[in-house]
Amino acid sequence: MMNWWSMGGAAVCLLVVGRCAAHQHHPLRGLLAGAVCGLGALALLALLDPVTGVSLPLTPFTSFTAVVLGVPGVITLLILQLLL
């Protein structure tokens, strides 16, 4: 049951991000830039883990969120980790 909800949520995120990218002058460049920035933020967070003590586990959920939603997705993951 939970798998269907997560797949549905992922599909909705992909549709929203795709629709927003379609309204840009260079949609592919925007999607790739967001994905690279999100993965870079996740990698920087992992690199600075010994110094700051803040870490996110590398799971399919966190990597999907970083790639699709970018830096705001990584920040949201950090806030959710703080709250939960």
PDB file of N, CA and C in Angstrom:
ATOM      1  N   MET A   1       0.823  -1.191   0.000  1.00  0.00           N
ATOM      2  CA  MET A   1       0.000   0.000   0.000  1.00  0.00           C
ATOM      3  C   MET A   1       0.871   1.262   0.000  1.00  0.00           C
ATOM      4  N   MET A   2       1.893   1.264   0.859  1.00  0.00           N
ATOM      5  CA  MET A   2       2.759   2.438   0.949  1.00  0.00           C
ATOM      6  C   MET A   2       3.543   2.645  -0.343  1.00  0.00           C
ATOM      7  N   ASN A   3       3.878   1.579  -1.033  1.00  0.00           N
ATOM      8  CA  ASN A   3       4.626   1.686  -2.276  1.00  0.00           C
ATOM      9  C   ASN A   3       3.827   2.450  -3.328  1.00  0.00           C
ATOM     10  N   TRP A   4       2.527   2.228  -3.397  1.00  0.00           N
ATOM     11  CA  TRP A   4       1.690   2.940  -4.365  1.00  0.00           C
ATOM     12  C   TRP A   4       1.636   4.423  -4.055  1.00  0.00           C
ATOM     13  N   TRP A   5       1.563   4.770  -2.765  1.00  0.00           N
ATOM     14  CA  TRP A   5       1.530   6.179  -2.394  1.00  0.00           C
ATOM     15  C   TRP A   5       2.847   6.874  -2.733  1.00  0.00           C
ATOM     16  N   SER A   6       3.958   6.216  -2.488  1.00  0.00           N
ATOM     17  CA  SER A   6       5.244   6.830  -2.800  1.00  0.00           C
ATOM     18  C   SER A   6       5.450   6.957  -4.307  1.00  0.00           C
ATOM     19  N   MET A   7       5.003   5.968  -5.056  1.00  0.00           N
ATOM     20  CA  MET A   7       5.100   6.052  -6.524  1.00  0.00           C
ATOM     21  C   MET A   7       4.203   7.169  -7.060  1.00  0.00           C
ATOM     22  N   GLY A   8       3.038   7.300  -6.490  1.00  0.00           N
ATOM     23  CA  GLY A   8       2.130   8.372  -6.907  1.00  0.00           C
ATOM     24  C   GLY A   8       2.695   9.745  -6.579  1.00  0.00           C
ATOM     25  N   GLY A   9       3.281   9.885  -5.389  1.00  0.00           N
ATOM     26  CA  GLY A   9       3.900  11.155  -5.017  1.00  0.00           C
ATOM     27  C   GLY A   9       5.080  11.497  -5.912  1.00  0.00           C
ATOM     28  N   ALA A  10       5.873  10.495  -6.259  1.00  0.00           N
ATOM     29  CA  ALA A  10       7.006  10.713  -7.160  1.00  0.00           C
ATOM     30  C   ALA A  10       6.526  11.125  -8.552  1.00  0.00           C
ATOM     31  N   ALA A  11       5.453  10.505  -9.015  1.00  0.00           N
ATOM     32  CA  ALA A  11       4.908  10.856 -10.332  1.00  0.00           C
ATOM     33  C   ALA A  11       4.385  12.284 -10.340  1.00  0.00           C
ATOM     34  N   VAL A  12       3.727  12.691  -9.269  1.00  0.00           N
ATOM     35  CA  VAL A  12       3.217  14.062  -9.187  1.00  0.00           C
ATOM     36  C   VAL A  12       4.374  15.058  -9.173  1.00  0.00           C
ATOM     37  N   CYS A  13       5.428  14.765  -8.413  1.00  0.00           N
ATOM     38  CA  CYS A  13       6.604  15.643  -8.387  1.00  0.00           C
ATOM     39  C   CYS A  13       7.240  15.762  -9.766  1.00  0.00           C
ATOM     40  N   LEU A  14       7.371  14.650 -10.453  1.00  0.00           N
ATOM     41  CA  LEU A  14       7.950  14.682 -11.798  1.00  0.00           C
ATOM     42  C   LEU A  14       7.095  15.486 -12.762  1.00  0.00           C
ATOM     43  N   LEU A  15       5.780  15.336 -12.672  1.00  0.00           N
ATOM     44  CA  LEU A  15       4.889  16.099 -13.554  1.00  0.00           C
ATOM     45  C   LEU A  15       4.970  17.597 -13.279  1.00  0.00           C
ATOM     46  N   VAL A  16       4.994  17.973 -12.024  1.00  0.00           N
ATOM     47  CA  VAL A  16       5.058  19.397 -11.677  1.00  0.00           C
ATOM     48  C   VAL A  16       6.383  20.006 -12.121  1.00  0.00           C
ATOM     49  N   VAL A  17       7.488  19.315 -11.848  1.00  0.00           N
ATOM     50  CA  VAL A  17       8.798  19.826 -12.251  1.00  0.00           C
ATOM     51  C   VAL A  17       8.906  19.866 -13.776  1.00  0.00           C
ATOM     52  N   GLY A  18       8.399  18.849 -14.452  1.00  0.00           N
ATOM     53  CA  GLY A  18       8.416  18.845 -15.916  1.00  0.00           C
ATOM     54  C   GLY A  18       7.589  19.961 -16.520  1.00  0.00           C
ATOM     55  N   ARG A  19       6.442  20.232 -15.919  1.00  0.00           N
ATOM     56  CA  ARG A  19       5.580  21.309 -16.427  1.00  0.00           C
ATOM     57  C   ARG A  19       6.247  22.666 -16.229  1.00  0.00           C
ATOM     58  N   CYS A  20       6.879  22.858 -15.071  1.00  0.00           N
ATOM     59  CA  CYS A  20       7.579  24.118 -14.826  1.00  0.00           C
ATOM     60  C   CYS A  20       8.767  24.280 -15.776  1.00  0.00           C
ATOM     61  N   ALA A  21       9.468  23.202 -16.046  1.00  0.00           N
ATOM     62  CA  ALA A  21      10.614  23.277 -16.956  1.00  0.00           C
ATOM     63  C   ALA A  21      10.172  23.538 -18.389  1.00  0.00           C
ATOM     64  N   ALA A  22       8.990  23.074 -18.750  1.00  0.00           N
ATOM     65  CA  ALA A  22       8.506  23.264 -20.118  1.00  0.00           C
ATOM     66  C   ALA A  22       8.228  24.735 -20.421  1.00  0.00           C
ATOM     67  N   HIS A  23       8.025  25.554 -19.398  1.00  0.00           N
ATOM     68  CA  HIS A  23       7.732  26.963 -19.600  1.00  0.00           C
ATOM     69  C   HIS A  23       8.984  27.830 -19.645  1.00  0.00           C
ATOM     70  N   GLN A  24      10.160  27.235 -19.591  1.00  0.00           N
ATOM     71  CA  GLN A  24      11.410  27.985 -19.665  1.00  0.00           C
ATOM     72  C   GLN A  24      11.901  28.027 -21.106  1.00  0.00           C
ATOM     73  N   HIS A  25      12.854  28.916 -21.358  1.00  0.00           N
ATOM     74  CA  HIS A  25      13.433  28.992 -22.705  1.00  0.00           C
ATOM     75  C   HIS A  25      14.268  27.761 -23.026  1.00  0.00           C
ATOM     76  N   HIS A  26      14.995  27.239 -22.051  1.00  0.00           N
ATOM     77  CA  HIS A  26      15.832  26.060 -22.223  1.00  0.00           C
ATOM     78  C   HIS A  26      15.437  25.029 -21.163  1.00  0.00           C
ATOM     79  N   PRO A  27      14.413  24.224 -21.429  1.00  0.00           N
ATOM     80  CA  PRO A  27      13.906  23.322 -20.382  1.00  0.00           C
ATOM     81  C   PRO A  27      14.901  22.253 -19.953  1.00  0.00           C
ATOM     82  N   LEU A  28      15.639  21.670 -20.883  1.00  0.00           N
ATOM     83  CA  LEU A  28      16.579  20.610 -20.530  1.00  0.00           C
ATOM     84  C   LEU A  28      17.727  21.155 -19.689  1.00  0.00           C
ATOM     85  N   ARG A  29      18.196  22.326 -20.037  1.00  0.00           N
ATOM     86  CA  ARG A  29      19.277  22.950 -19.271  1.00  0.00           C
ATOM     87  C   ARG A  29      18.811  23.252 -17.845  1.00  0.00           C
ATOM     88  N   GLY A  30      17.577  23.704 -17.690  1.00  0.00           N
ATOM     89  CA  GLY A  30      17.042  23.980 -16.359  1.00  0.00           C
ATOM     90  C   GLY A  30      16.906  22.725 -15.520  1.00  0.00           C
ATOM     91  N   LEU A  31      16.431  21.639 -16.135  1.00  0.00           N
ATOM     92  CA  LEU A  31      16.306  20.376 -15.406  1.00  0.00           C
ATOM     93  C   LEU A  31      17.662  19.835 -14.979  1.00  0.00           C
ATOM     94  N   LEU A  32      18.628  19.875 -15.889  1.00  0.00           N
ATOM     95  CA  LEU A  32      19.962  19.374 -15.569  1.00  0.00           C
ATOM     96  C   LEU A  32      20.658  20.235 -14.521  1.00  0.00           C
ATOM     97  N   ALA A  33      20.476  21.550 -14.594  1.00  0.00           N
ATOM     98  CA  ALA A  33      21.100  22.426 -13.607  1.00  0.00           C
ATOM     99  C   ALA A  33      20.520  22.177 -12.219  1.00  0.00           C
ATOM    100  N   GLY A  34      19.214  21.991 -12.139  1.00  0.00           N
ATOM    101  CA  GLY A  34      18.591  21.704 -10.847  1.00  0.00           C
ATOM    102  C   GLY A  34      19.048  20.376 -10.275  1.00  0.00           C
ATOM    103  N   ALA A  35      19.172  19.365 -11.137  1.00  0.00           N
ATOM    104  CA  ALA A  35      19.614  18.048 -10.680  1.00  0.00           C
ATOM    105  C   ALA A  35      21.062  18.080 -10.204  1.00  0.00           C
ATOM    106  N   VAL A  36      21.916  18.760 -10.946  1.00  0.00           N
ATOM    107  CA  VAL A  36      23.332  18.843 -10.563  1.00  0.00           C
ATOM    108  C   VAL A  36      23.490  19.633  -9.267  1.00  0.00           C
ATOM    109  N   CYS A  37      22.738  20.713  -9.128  1.00  0.00           N
ATOM    110  CA  CYS A  37      22.819  21.501  -7.880  1.00  0.00           C
ATOM    111  C   CYS A  37      22.304  20.697  -6.691  1.00  0.00           C
ATOM    112  N   GLY A  38      21.248  19.939  -6.878  1.00  0.00           N
ATOM    113  CA  GLY A  38      20.722  19.117  -5.795  1.00  0.00           C
ATOM    114  C   GLY A  38      21.690  18.034  -5.371  1.00  0.00           C
ATOM    115  N   LEU A  39      22.288  17.355  -6.350  1.00  0.00           N
ATOM    116  CA  LEU A  39      23.282  16.331  -6.021  1.00  0.00           C
ATOM    117  C   LEU A  39      24.532  16.946  -5.414  1.00  0.00           C
ATOM    118  N   GLY A  40      24.885  18.138  -5.873  1.00  0.00           N
ATOM    119  CA  GLY A  40      26.032  18.825  -5.290  1.00  0.00           C
ATOM    120  C   GLY A  40      25.783  19.210  -3.839  1.00  0.00           C
ATOM    121  N   ALA A  41      24.573  19.655  -3.544  1.00  0.00           N
ATOM    122  CA  ALA A  41      24.237  19.996  -2.154  1.00  0.00           C
ATOM    123  C   ALA A  41      24.259  18.759  -1.273  1.00  0.00           C
ATOM    124  N   LEU A  42      23.760  17.639  -1.794  1.00  0.00           N
ATOM    125  CA  LEU A  42      23.777  16.393  -1.037  1.00  0.00           C
ATOM    126  C   LEU A  42      25.214  15.913  -0.804  1.00  0.00           C
ATOM    127  N   ALA A  43      26.065  16.035  -1.820  1.00  0.00           N
ATOM    128  CA  ALA A  43      27.470  15.642  -1.680  1.00  0.00           C
ATOM    129  C   ALA A  43      28.214  16.563  -0.721  1.00  0.00           C
ATOM    130  N   LEU A  44      27.940  17.863  -0.791  1.00  0.00           N
ATOM    131  CA  LEU A  44      28.571  18.811   0.116  1.00  0.00           C
ATOM    132  C   LEU A  44      28.151  18.552   1.553  1.00  0.00           C
ATOM    133  N   LEU A  45      26.906  18.196   1.740  1.00  0.00           N
ATOM    134  CA  LEU A  45      26.411  17.862   3.072  1.00  0.00           C
ATOM    135  C   LEU A  45      27.119  16.620   3.614  1.00  0.00           C
ATOM    136  N   ALA A  46      27.338  15.621   2.749  1.00  0.00           N
ATOM    137  CA  ALA A  46      28.044  14.408   3.165  1.00  0.00           C
ATOM    138  C   ALA A  46      29.521  14.695   3.447  1.00  0.00           C
ATOM    139  N   LEU A  47      30.113  15.599   2.668  1.00  0.00           N
ATOM    140  CA  LEU A  47      31.517  15.948   2.872  1.00  0.00           C
ATOM    141  C   LEU A  47      31.732  16.708   4.174  1.00  0.00           C
ATOM    142  N   LEU A  48      30.794  17.569   4.521  1.00  0.00           N
ATOM    143  CA  LEU A  48      30.928  18.377   5.725  1.00  0.00           C
ATOM    144  C   LEU A  48      30.345  17.717   6.962  1.00  0.00           C
ATOM    145  N   ASP A  49      29.924  16.479   6.850  1.00  0.00           N
ATOM    146  CA  ASP A  49      29.328  15.762   7.979  1.00  0.00           C
ATOM    147  C   ASP A  49      30.262  15.681   9.188  1.00  0.00           C
ATOM    148  N   PRO A  50      31.554  15.375   9.024  1.00  0.00           N
ATOM    149  CA  PRO A  50      32.421  15.315  10.216  1.00  0.00           C
ATOM    150  C   PRO A  50      32.581  16.670  10.909  1.00  0.00           C
ATOM    151  N   VAL A  51      32.482  17.740  10.163  1.00  0.00           N
ATOM    152  CA  VAL A  51      32.675  19.068  10.737  1.00  0.00           C
ATOM    153  C   VAL A  51      31.394  19.574  11.392  1.00  0.00           C
ATOM    154  N   THR A  52      30.265  19.434  10.687  1.00  0.00           N
ATOM    155  CA  THR A  52      29.013  20.010  11.173  1.00  0.00           C
ATOM    156  C   THR A  52      28.187  19.040  12.002  1.00  0.00           C
ATOM    157  N   GLY A  53      28.318  17.758  11.755  1.00  0.00           N
ATOM    158  CA  GLY A  53      27.509  16.769  12.455  1.00  0.00           C
ATOM    159  C   GLY A  53      26.129  16.593  11.861  1.00  0.00           C
ATOM    160  N   VAL A  54      25.844  17.276  10.763  1.00  0.00           N
ATOM    161  CA  VAL A  54      24.550  17.169  10.087  1.00  0.00           C
ATOM    162  C   VAL A  54      24.723  16.225   8.905  1.00  0.00           C
ATOM    163  N   SER A  55      23.900  15.194   8.854  1.00  0.00           N
ATOM    164  CA  SER A  55      24.039  14.242   7.755  1.00  0.00           C
ATOM    165  C   SER A  55      22.671  13.765   7.299  1.00  0.00           C
ATOM    166  N   LEU A  56      22.620  13.376   6.051  1.00  0.00           N
ATOM    167  CA  LEU A  56      21.449  12.726   5.473  1.00  0.00           C
ATOM    168  C   LEU A  56      21.905  11.380   4.921  1.00  0.00           C
ATOM    169  N   PRO A  57      21.190  10.315   5.214  1.00  0.00           N
ATOM    170  CA  PRO A  57      21.580   9.025   4.647  1.00  0.00           C
ATOM    171  C   PRO A  57      21.322   9.010   3.145  1.00  0.00           C
ATOM    172  N   LEU A  58      22.177   8.362   2.409  1.00  0.00           N
ATOM    173  CA  LEU A  58      21.997   8.259   0.961  1.00  0.00           C
ATOM    174  C   LEU A  58      21.094   7.070   0.665  1.00  0.00           C
ATOM    175  N   THR A  59      19.843   7.370   0.421  1.00  0.00           N
ATOM    176  CA  THR A  59      18.837   6.363   0.100  1.00  0.00           C
ATOM    177  C   THR A  59      18.223   6.721  -1.243  1.00  0.00           C
ATOM    178  N   PRO A  60      17.447   5.822  -1.830  1.00  0.00           N
ATOM    179  CA  PRO A  60      16.761   6.185  -3.075  1.00  0.00           C
ATOM    180  C   PRO A  60      15.834   7.392  -2.910  1.00  0.00           C
ATOM    181  N   PHE A  61      15.221   7.532  -1.744  1.00  0.00           N
ATOM    182  CA  PHE A  61      14.322   8.663  -1.513  1.00  0.00           C
ATOM    183  C   PHE A  61      15.087   9.987  -1.479  1.00  0.00           C
ATOM    184  N   THR A  62      16.203  10.029  -0.757  1.00  0.00           N
ATOM    185  CA  THR A  62      16.954  11.280  -0.671  1.00  0.00           C
ATOM    186  C   THR A  62      17.596  11.646  -2.005  1.00  0.00           C
ATOM    187  N   SER A  63      18.093  10.661  -2.725  1.00  0.00           N
ATOM    188  CA  SER A  63      18.694  10.968  -4.026  1.00  0.00           C
ATOM    189  C   SER A  63      17.637  11.404  -5.035  1.00  0.00           C
ATOM    190  N   PHE A  64      16.452  10.781  -5.011  1.00  0.00           N
ATOM    191  CA  PHE A  64      15.362  11.201  -5.901  1.00  0.00           C
ATOM    192  C   PHE A  64      14.946  12.630  -5.584  1.00  0.00           C
ATOM    193  N   THR A  65      14.828  12.933  -4.300  1.00  0.00           N
ATOM    194  CA  THR A  65      14.431  14.282  -3.904  1.00  0.00           C
ATOM    195  C   THR A  65      15.484  15.299  -4.311  1.00  0.00           C
ATOM    196  N   ALA A  66      16.748  14.968  -4.155  1.00  0.00           N
ATOM    197  CA  ALA A  66      17.818  15.894  -4.534  1.00  0.00           C
ATOM    198  C   ALA A  66      17.853  16.122  -6.033  1.00  0.00           C
ATOM    199  N   VAL A  67      17.624  15.064  -6.825  1.00  0.00           N
ATOM    200  CA  VAL A  67      17.681  15.204  -8.279  1.00  0.00           C
ATOM    201  C   VAL A  67      16.456  15.936  -8.809  1.00  0.00           C
ATOM    202  N   VAL A  68      15.286  15.588  -8.340  1.00  0.00           N
ATOM    203  CA  VAL A  68      14.067  16.169  -8.900  1.00  0.00           C
ATOM    204  C   VAL A  68      13.808  17.577  -8.363  1.00  0.00           C
ATOM    205  N   LEU A  69      13.951  17.774  -7.058  1.00  0.00           N
ATOM    206  CA  LEU A  69      13.607  19.063  -6.469  1.00  0.00           C
ATOM    207  C   LEU A  69      14.802  19.990  -6.279  1.00  0.00           C
ATOM    208  N   GLY A  70      16.010  19.468  -6.388  1.00  0.00           N
ATOM    209  CA  GLY A  70      17.203  20.301  -6.296  1.00  0.00           C
ATOM    210  C   GLY A  70      17.541  20.697  -4.873  1.00  0.00           C
ATOM    211  N   VAL A  71      18.129  21.875  -4.734  1.00  0.00           N
ATOM    212  CA  VAL A  71      18.560  22.367  -3.424  1.00  0.00           C
ATOM    213  C   VAL A  71      17.371  22.567  -2.473  1.00  0.00           C
ATOM    214  N   PRO A  72      16.228  23.096  -2.932  1.00  0.00           N
ATOM    215  CA  PRO A  72      15.088  23.192  -2.008  1.00  0.00           C
ATOM    216  C   PRO A  72      14.636  21.832  -1.476  1.00  0.00           C
ATOM    217  N   GLY A  73      14.787  20.787  -2.264  1.00  0.00           N
ATOM    218  CA  GLY A  73      14.457  19.444  -1.800  1.00  0.00           C
ATOM    219  C   GLY A  73      15.395  18.975  -0.708  1.00  0.00           C
ATOM    220  N   VAL A  74      16.679  19.283  -0.837  1.00  0.00           N
ATOM    221  CA  VAL A  74      17.659  18.897   0.181  1.00  0.00           C
ATOM    222  C   VAL A  74      17.401  19.675   1.469  1.00  0.00           C
ATOM    223  N   ILE A  75      17.064  20.947   1.344  1.00  0.00           N
ATOM    224  CA  ILE A  75      16.742  21.749   2.526  1.00  0.00           C
ATOM    225  C   ILE A  75      15.486  21.212   3.200  1.00  0.00           C
ATOM    226  N   THR A  76      14.507  20.807   2.406  1.00  0.00           N
ATOM    227  CA  THR A  76      13.290  20.226   2.969  1.00  0.00           C
ATOM    228  C   THR A  76      13.594  18.926   3.701  1.00  0.00           C
ATOM    229  N   LEU A  77      14.478  18.111   3.153  1.00  0.00           N
ATOM    230  CA  LEU A  77      14.877  16.879   3.835  1.00  0.00           C
ATOM    231  C   LEU A  77      15.550  17.175   5.170  1.00  0.00           C
ATOM    232  N   LEU A  78      16.374  18.217   5.207  1.00  0.00           N
ATOM    233  CA  LEU A  78      17.030  18.580   6.454  1.00  0.00           C
ATOM    234  C   LEU A  78      16.021  19.067   7.500  1.00  0.00           C
ATOM    235  N   ILE A  79      15.040  19.844   7.057  1.00  0.00           N
ATOM    236  CA  ILE A  79      14.009  20.315   7.981  1.00  0.00           C
ATOM    237  C   ILE A  79      13.162  19.149   8.479  1.00  0.00           C
ATOM    238  N   LEU A  80      12.824  18.220   7.584  1.00  0.00           N
ATOM    239  CA  LEU A  80      12.055  17.057   8.010  1.00  0.00           C
ATOM    240  C   LEU A  80      12.827  16.191   8.988  1.00  0.00           C
ATOM    241  N   GLN A  81      14.133  16.070   8.780  1.00  0.00           N
ATOM    242  CA  GLN A  81      14.964  15.316   9.712  1.00  0.00           C
ATOM    243  C   GLN A  81      15.008  15.996  11.073  1.00  0.00           C
ATOM    244  N   LEU A  82      15.014  17.308  11.069  1.00  0.00           N
ATOM    245  CA  LEU A  82      15.028  18.062  12.318  1.00  0.00           C
ATOM    246  C   LEU A  82      13.693  17.898  13.059  1.00  0.00           C
ATOM    247  N   LEU A  83      12.584  17.914  12.326  1.00  0.00           N
ATOM    248  CA  LEU A  83      11.262  17.822  12.942  1.00  0.00           C
ATOM    249  C   LEU A  83      10.901  16.407  13.364  1.00  0.00           C
ATOM    250  N   LEU A  84      11.307  15.435  12.580  1.00  0.00           N
ATOM    251  CA  LEU A  84      10.937  14.053  12.879  1.00  0.00           C
ATOM    252  C   LEU A  84      12.090  13.397  13.590  1.00  0.00           C
TER     253      LEU A  84
END
